[in-house]
């Protein structure tokens, strides 16, 4: 009788533990993917910020799309394999943040 109870208990324990372990594993995998995605996003954003600073300092005579393209090239060179869309979003966000952080002085069309 003891062996039967032991076998029954073992089967019940396995029937409970396997789904619980699978659920915990799935949850951990999801959390790890989110954490890696957040780290990747922060890394791309940091490089985009550097790229925009670089373009602002090195290409002072360029404006708009030309300067954006230089920042894009910088990020693409530093982070090969990152999608074009992700780089564009990161550079646009960096440009927006930089414009907020360092607003351009209003230019006057007439000189005193």
N, C-alpha and C. Protein backbone atom coordinates (compact mmCIF):
# COMPACT_ATOMS: atom_id res chain seq x y z
N UNK A 1 0.82 -1.20 0.00
CA UNK A 1 0.00 0.00 0.00
C UNK A 1 0.86 1.26 0.00
N UNK A 2 2.01 1.22 0.71
CA UNK A 2 2.90 2.37 0.79
C UNK A 2 3.48 2.74 -0.56
N UNK A 3 3.81 1.70 -1.37
CA UNK A 3 4.36 1.98 -2.70
C UNK A 3 3.31 2.62 -3.60
N UNK A 4 2.08 2.20 -3.47
CA UNK A 4 0.99 2.75 -4.30
C UNK A 4 0.80 4.23 -3.96
N UNK A 5 0.79 4.56 -2.67
CA UNK A 5 0.64 5.96 -2.26
C UNK A 5 1.83 6.80 -2.72
N UNK A 6 3.00 6.20 -2.60
CA UNK A 6 4.20 6.92 -3.02
C UNK A 6 4.16 7.19 -4.53
N UNK A 7 3.77 6.21 -5.32
CA UNK A 7 3.67 6.37 -6.76
C UNK A 7 2.59 7.39 -7.10
N UNK A 8 1.45 7.29 -6.44
CA UNK A 8 0.35 8.23 -6.68
C UNK A 8 0.78 9.65 -6.33
N UNK A 9 1.42 9.81 -5.18
CA UNK A 9 1.91 11.13 -4.77
C UNK A 9 2.92 11.67 -5.77
N UNK A 10 3.83 10.81 -6.23
CA UNK A 10 4.83 11.21 -7.24
C UNK A 10 4.18 11.66 -8.53
N UNK A 11 3.15 10.95 -8.98
CA UNK A 11 2.44 11.31 -10.21
C UNK A 11 1.70 12.64 -10.06
N UNK A 12 1.08 12.82 -8.91
CA UNK A 12 0.37 14.09 -8.66
C UNK A 12 1.36 15.25 -8.61
N UNK A 13 2.47 15.02 -7.92
CA UNK A 13 3.49 16.05 -7.82
C UNK A 13 4.03 16.43 -9.21
N UNK A 14 4.29 15.45 -10.03
CA UNK A 14 4.77 15.72 -11.40
C UNK A 14 3.71 16.43 -12.22
N UNK A 15 2.47 16.04 -12.06
CA UNK A 15 1.39 16.67 -12.82
C UNK A 15 1.23 18.14 -12.45
N UNK A 16 1.59 18.50 -11.23
CA UNK A 16 1.50 19.89 -10.78
C UNK A 16 2.79 20.65 -11.11
N UNK A 17 3.92 20.04 -10.85
CA UNK A 17 5.20 20.73 -11.01
C UNK A 17 5.55 21.05 -12.46
N UNK A 18 5.28 20.16 -13.37
CA UNK A 18 5.65 20.39 -14.77
C UNK A 18 4.95 21.63 -15.34
N UNK A 19 3.63 21.78 -15.21
CA UNK A 19 3.01 23.01 -15.72
C UNK A 19 3.48 24.28 -14.99
N UNK A 20 3.70 24.17 -13.69
CA UNK A 20 4.17 25.33 -12.92
C UNK A 20 5.57 25.72 -13.40
N UNK A 21 6.44 24.74 -13.56
CA UNK A 21 7.79 25.02 -14.03
C UNK A 21 7.76 25.62 -15.44
N UNK A 22 6.91 25.12 -16.30
CA UNK A 22 6.79 25.66 -17.66
C UNK A 22 6.30 27.10 -17.62
N UNK A 23 5.32 27.39 -16.78
CA UNK A 23 4.80 28.75 -16.66
C UNK A 23 5.87 29.71 -16.13
N UNK A 24 6.61 29.28 -15.13
CA UNK A 24 7.69 30.10 -14.57
C UNK A 24 8.76 30.34 -15.63
N UNK A 25 9.10 29.32 -16.37
CA UNK A 25 10.09 29.45 -17.44
C UNK A 25 9.64 30.44 -18.51
N UNK A 26 8.39 30.36 -18.89
CA UNK A 26 7.83 31.28 -19.89
C UNK A 26 7.83 32.71 -19.37
N UNK A 27 7.47 32.89 -18.12
CA UNK A 27 7.48 34.22 -17.51
C UNK A 27 8.89 34.78 -17.46
N UNK A 28 9.85 33.97 -17.06
CA UNK A 28 11.24 34.42 -17.02
C UNK A 28 11.75 34.79 -18.41
N UNK A 29 11.42 33.99 -19.40
CA UNK A 29 11.84 34.29 -20.77
C UNK A 29 11.27 35.62 -21.24
N UNK A 30 10.02 35.88 -20.92
CA UNK A 30 9.38 37.14 -21.30
C UNK A 30 10.05 38.32 -20.60
N UNK A 31 10.31 38.17 -19.31
CA UNK A 31 10.97 39.24 -18.55
C UNK A 31 12.38 39.50 -19.07
N UNK A 32 13.10 38.46 -19.41
CA UNK A 32 14.46 38.62 -19.93
C UNK A 32 14.43 39.32 -21.28
N UNK A 33 13.49 38.95 -22.14
CA UNK A 33 13.38 39.61 -23.45
C UNK A 33 13.07 41.09 -23.29
N UNK A 34 12.18 41.42 -22.36
CA UNK A 34 11.85 42.84 -22.12
C UNK A 34 13.06 43.59 -21.60
N UNK A 35 13.80 42.98 -20.69
CA UNK A 35 14.99 43.63 -20.13
C UNK A 35 16.03 43.86 -21.21
N UNK A 36 16.26 42.87 -22.06
CA UNK A 36 17.23 43.01 -23.15
C UNK A 36 16.76 44.08 -24.13
N UNK A 37 15.48 44.10 -24.44
CA UNK A 37 14.95 45.10 -25.34
C UNK A 37 15.14 46.51 -24.78
N UNK A 38 14.91 46.67 -23.47
CA UNK A 38 15.10 47.97 -22.83
C UNK A 38 16.56 48.38 -22.86
N UNK A 39 17.45 47.44 -22.59
CA UNK A 39 18.88 47.73 -22.64
C UNK A 39 19.30 48.11 -24.05
N UNK A 40 18.81 47.36 -25.05
CA UNK A 40 19.13 47.67 -26.44
C UNK A 40 18.62 49.06 -26.80
N UNK A 41 17.41 49.37 -26.40
CA UNK A 41 16.82 50.68 -26.71
C UNK A 41 17.64 51.80 -26.08
N UNK A 42 18.04 51.61 -24.83
CA UNK A 42 18.85 52.63 -24.14
C UNK A 42 20.21 52.79 -24.80
N UNK A 43 20.79 51.69 -25.26
CA UNK A 43 22.09 51.75 -25.94
C UNK A 43 21.97 52.49 -27.27
N UNK A 44 20.93 52.18 -28.02
CA UNK A 44 20.72 52.86 -29.30
C UNK A 44 20.51 54.35 -29.05
N UNK A 45 19.72 54.69 -28.04
CA UNK A 45 19.44 56.09 -27.74
C UNK A 45 20.71 56.83 -27.32
N UNK A 46 21.56 56.17 -26.54
CA UNK A 46 22.81 56.79 -26.11
C UNK A 46 23.72 57.07 -27.30
N UNK A 47 23.81 56.12 -28.22
CA UNK A 47 24.65 56.32 -29.41
C UNK A 47 24.03 57.39 -30.30
N UNK A 48 22.71 57.43 -30.39
CA UNK A 48 22.04 58.46 -31.21
C UNK A 48 22.33 59.84 -30.63
N UNK A 49 22.32 59.97 -29.32
CA UNK A 49 22.63 61.25 -28.68
C UNK A 49 24.06 61.67 -29.04
N UNK A 50 25.00 60.74 -28.96
CA UNK A 50 26.39 61.02 -29.34
C UNK A 50 26.46 61.43 -30.81
N UNK A 51 25.70 60.75 -31.65
CA UNK A 51 25.72 61.02 -33.09
C UNK A 51 25.21 62.42 -33.38
N UNK A 52 24.15 62.83 -32.71
CA UNK A 52 23.58 64.16 -32.94
C UNK A 52 24.56 65.23 -32.44
N UNK A 53 25.16 65.00 -31.29
CA UNK A 53 26.18 65.93 -30.79
C UNK A 53 27.34 66.03 -31.79
N UNK A 54 27.78 64.89 -32.28
CA UNK A 54 28.87 64.84 -33.26
C UNK A 54 28.50 65.64 -34.51
N UNK A 55 27.31 65.39 -35.04
CA UNK A 55 26.87 66.08 -36.26
C UNK A 55 26.75 67.59 -36.02
N UNK A 56 26.24 67.97 -34.86
CA UNK A 56 26.11 69.40 -34.54
C UNK A 56 27.47 70.09 -34.48
N UNK A 57 28.43 69.41 -33.92
CA UNK A 57 29.76 70.02 -33.75
C UNK A 57 30.60 69.96 -35.02
N UNK A 58 30.55 68.86 -35.73
CA UNK A 58 31.43 68.67 -36.89
C UNK A 58 30.87 69.29 -38.16
N UNK A 59 29.57 69.30 -38.32
CA UNK A 59 28.96 69.76 -39.57
C UNK A 59 28.11 71.00 -39.32
N UNK A 60 28.72 72.05 -38.84
CA UNK A 60 28.00 73.28 -38.48
C UNK A 60 27.36 73.95 -39.68
N UNK A 61 27.93 73.77 -40.86
CA UNK A 61 27.37 74.40 -42.06
C UNK A 61 26.22 73.61 -42.67
N UNK A 62 26.00 72.39 -42.20
CA UNK A 62 24.90 71.57 -42.71
C UNK A 62 23.65 71.84 -41.90
N UNK A 63 22.51 71.54 -42.51
CA UNK A 63 21.23 71.74 -41.83
C UNK A 63 20.28 70.61 -42.20
N UNK A 64 19.27 70.46 -41.39
CA UNK A 64 18.16 69.56 -41.68
C UNK A 64 18.56 68.14 -42.02
N UNK A 65 18.08 67.68 -43.17
CA UNK A 65 18.25 66.28 -43.59
C UNK A 65 19.71 65.90 -43.73
N UNK A 66 20.55 66.81 -44.22
CA UNK A 66 21.97 66.48 -44.39
C UNK A 66 22.62 66.16 -43.05
N UNK A 67 22.33 66.96 -42.05
CA UNK A 67 22.88 66.73 -40.72
C UNK A 67 22.28 65.46 -40.11
N UNK A 68 20.99 65.26 -40.32
CA UNK A 68 20.31 64.04 -39.86
C UNK A 68 20.99 62.82 -40.47
N UNK A 69 21.28 62.88 -41.77
CA UNK A 69 21.92 61.75 -42.45
C UNK A 69 23.29 61.45 -41.85
N UNK A 70 24.05 62.48 -41.48
CA UNK A 70 25.36 62.27 -40.87
C UNK A 70 25.20 61.57 -39.51
N UNK A 71 24.23 61.99 -38.74
CA UNK A 71 23.98 61.35 -37.44
C UNK A 71 23.54 59.90 -37.65
N UNK A 72 22.69 59.68 -38.65
CA UNK A 72 22.23 58.33 -38.98
C UNK A 72 23.43 57.44 -39.33
N UNK A 73 24.31 57.93 -40.19
CA UNK A 73 25.49 57.17 -40.59
C UNK A 73 26.36 56.82 -39.38
N UNK A 74 26.49 57.75 -38.47
CA UNK A 74 27.29 57.53 -37.26
C UNK A 74 26.71 56.36 -36.46
N UNK A 75 25.40 56.39 -36.23
CA UNK A 75 24.75 55.33 -35.45
C UNK A 75 24.86 53.99 -36.18
N UNK A 76 24.58 54.00 -37.49
CA UNK A 76 24.63 52.76 -38.27
C UNK A 76 26.03 52.16 -38.25
N UNK A 77 27.05 53.02 -38.25
CA UNK A 77 28.42 52.53 -38.19
C UNK A 77 28.78 51.94 -36.83
N UNK A 78 28.24 52.52 -35.78
CA UNK A 78 28.54 52.04 -34.42
C UNK A 78 27.72 50.82 -34.04
N UNK A 79 26.51 50.70 -34.60
CA UNK A 79 25.60 49.61 -34.23
C UNK A 79 25.11 48.86 -35.46
N UNK A 80 26.00 48.11 -36.11
CA UNK A 80 25.55 47.36 -37.29
C UNK A 80 24.50 46.33 -36.88
N UNK A 81 23.54 46.12 -37.73
CA UNK A 81 22.50 45.15 -37.45
C UNK A 81 21.24 45.75 -36.86
N UNK A 82 21.30 47.01 -36.44
CA UNK A 82 20.11 47.68 -35.92
C UNK A 82 19.29 48.14 -37.13
N UNK A 83 17.99 47.98 -37.05
CA UNK A 83 17.14 48.31 -38.20
C UNK A 83 17.16 49.81 -38.50
N UNK A 84 16.94 50.11 -39.76
CA UNK A 84 16.90 51.50 -40.22
C UNK A 84 15.85 52.28 -39.44
N UNK A 85 14.70 51.68 -39.25
CA UNK A 85 13.60 52.33 -38.53
C UNK A 85 13.98 52.67 -37.09
N UNK A 86 14.65 51.73 -36.41
CA UNK A 86 15.06 51.97 -35.02
C UNK A 86 16.09 53.09 -34.93
N UNK A 87 17.02 53.12 -35.89
CA UNK A 87 18.02 54.19 -35.90
C UNK A 87 17.36 55.53 -36.16
N UNK A 88 16.45 55.59 -37.13
CA UNK A 88 15.77 56.85 -37.44
C UNK A 88 14.99 57.37 -36.25
N UNK A 89 14.27 56.47 -35.57
CA UNK A 89 13.50 56.87 -34.39
C UNK A 89 14.42 57.41 -33.30
N UNK A 90 15.54 56.72 -33.09
CA UNK A 90 16.48 57.14 -32.04
C UNK A 90 17.10 58.49 -32.36
N UNK A 91 17.48 58.70 -33.61
CA UNK A 91 18.08 59.97 -34.00
C UNK A 91 17.05 61.09 -33.90
N UNK A 92 15.83 60.83 -34.35
CA UNK A 92 14.77 61.85 -34.24
C UNK A 92 14.52 62.21 -32.77
N UNK A 93 14.49 61.21 -31.91
CA UNK A 93 14.28 61.47 -30.48
C UNK A 93 15.44 62.28 -29.91
N UNK A 94 16.66 61.95 -30.32
CA UNK A 94 17.83 62.67 -29.83
C UNK A 94 17.82 64.12 -30.32
N UNK A 95 17.43 64.33 -31.57
CA UNK A 95 17.33 65.69 -32.10
C UNK A 95 16.29 66.48 -31.32
N UNK A 96 15.13 65.86 -31.07
CA UNK A 96 14.08 66.52 -30.30
C UNK A 96 14.53 66.87 -28.89
N UNK A 97 15.21 65.92 -28.24
CA UNK A 97 15.71 66.16 -26.88
C UNK A 97 16.76 67.26 -26.88
N UNK A 98 17.62 67.25 -27.88
CA UNK A 98 18.67 68.26 -27.95
C UNK A 98 18.07 69.64 -28.21
N UNK A 99 17.06 69.71 -29.05
CA UNK A 99 16.42 71.00 -29.33
C UNK A 99 15.74 71.56 -28.08
N UNK A 100 15.21 70.66 -27.24
CA UNK A 100 14.63 71.10 -25.96
C UNK A 100 15.71 71.55 -24.99
N UNK A 101 16.79 70.77 -24.95
CA UNK A 101 17.87 71.03 -24.01
C UNK A 101 18.66 72.29 -24.38
N UNK A 102 18.88 72.47 -25.67
CA UNK A 102 19.68 73.61 -26.15
C UNK A 102 18.90 74.35 -27.23
N UNK A 103 17.90 75.12 -26.84
CA UNK A 103 17.12 75.84 -27.87
C UNK A 103 17.99 76.83 -28.62
N UNK A 104 17.70 76.93 -29.89
CA UNK A 104 18.46 77.86 -30.73
C UNK A 104 17.97 79.28 -30.45
N UNK A 105 18.91 80.21 -30.44
CA UNK A 105 18.56 81.61 -30.23
C UNK A 105 17.82 82.10 -31.47
N UNK A 106 16.81 82.93 -31.28
CA UNK A 106 16.11 83.46 -32.45
C UNK A 106 17.07 84.29 -33.30
N UNK A 107 16.99 84.07 -34.60
CA UNK A 107 17.89 84.81 -35.50
C UNK A 107 17.19 86.07 -35.97
N UNK A 108 17.95 87.12 -36.05
CA UNK A 108 17.36 88.37 -36.51
C UNK A 108 17.76 88.59 -37.96
N UNK A 109 16.84 89.07 -38.74
CA UNK A 109 17.11 89.24 -40.17
C UNK A 109 17.75 90.60 -40.44
N UNK A 110 17.73 91.47 -39.48
CA UNK A 110 18.36 92.78 -39.67
C UNK A 110 19.47 92.95 -38.66
N UNK A 111 20.55 93.53 -39.10
CA UNK A 111 21.67 93.78 -38.21
C UNK A 111 21.60 95.23 -37.73
N UNK A 112 21.89 95.50 -36.46
CA UNK A 112 21.78 96.87 -35.95
C UNK A 112 22.85 97.77 -36.51
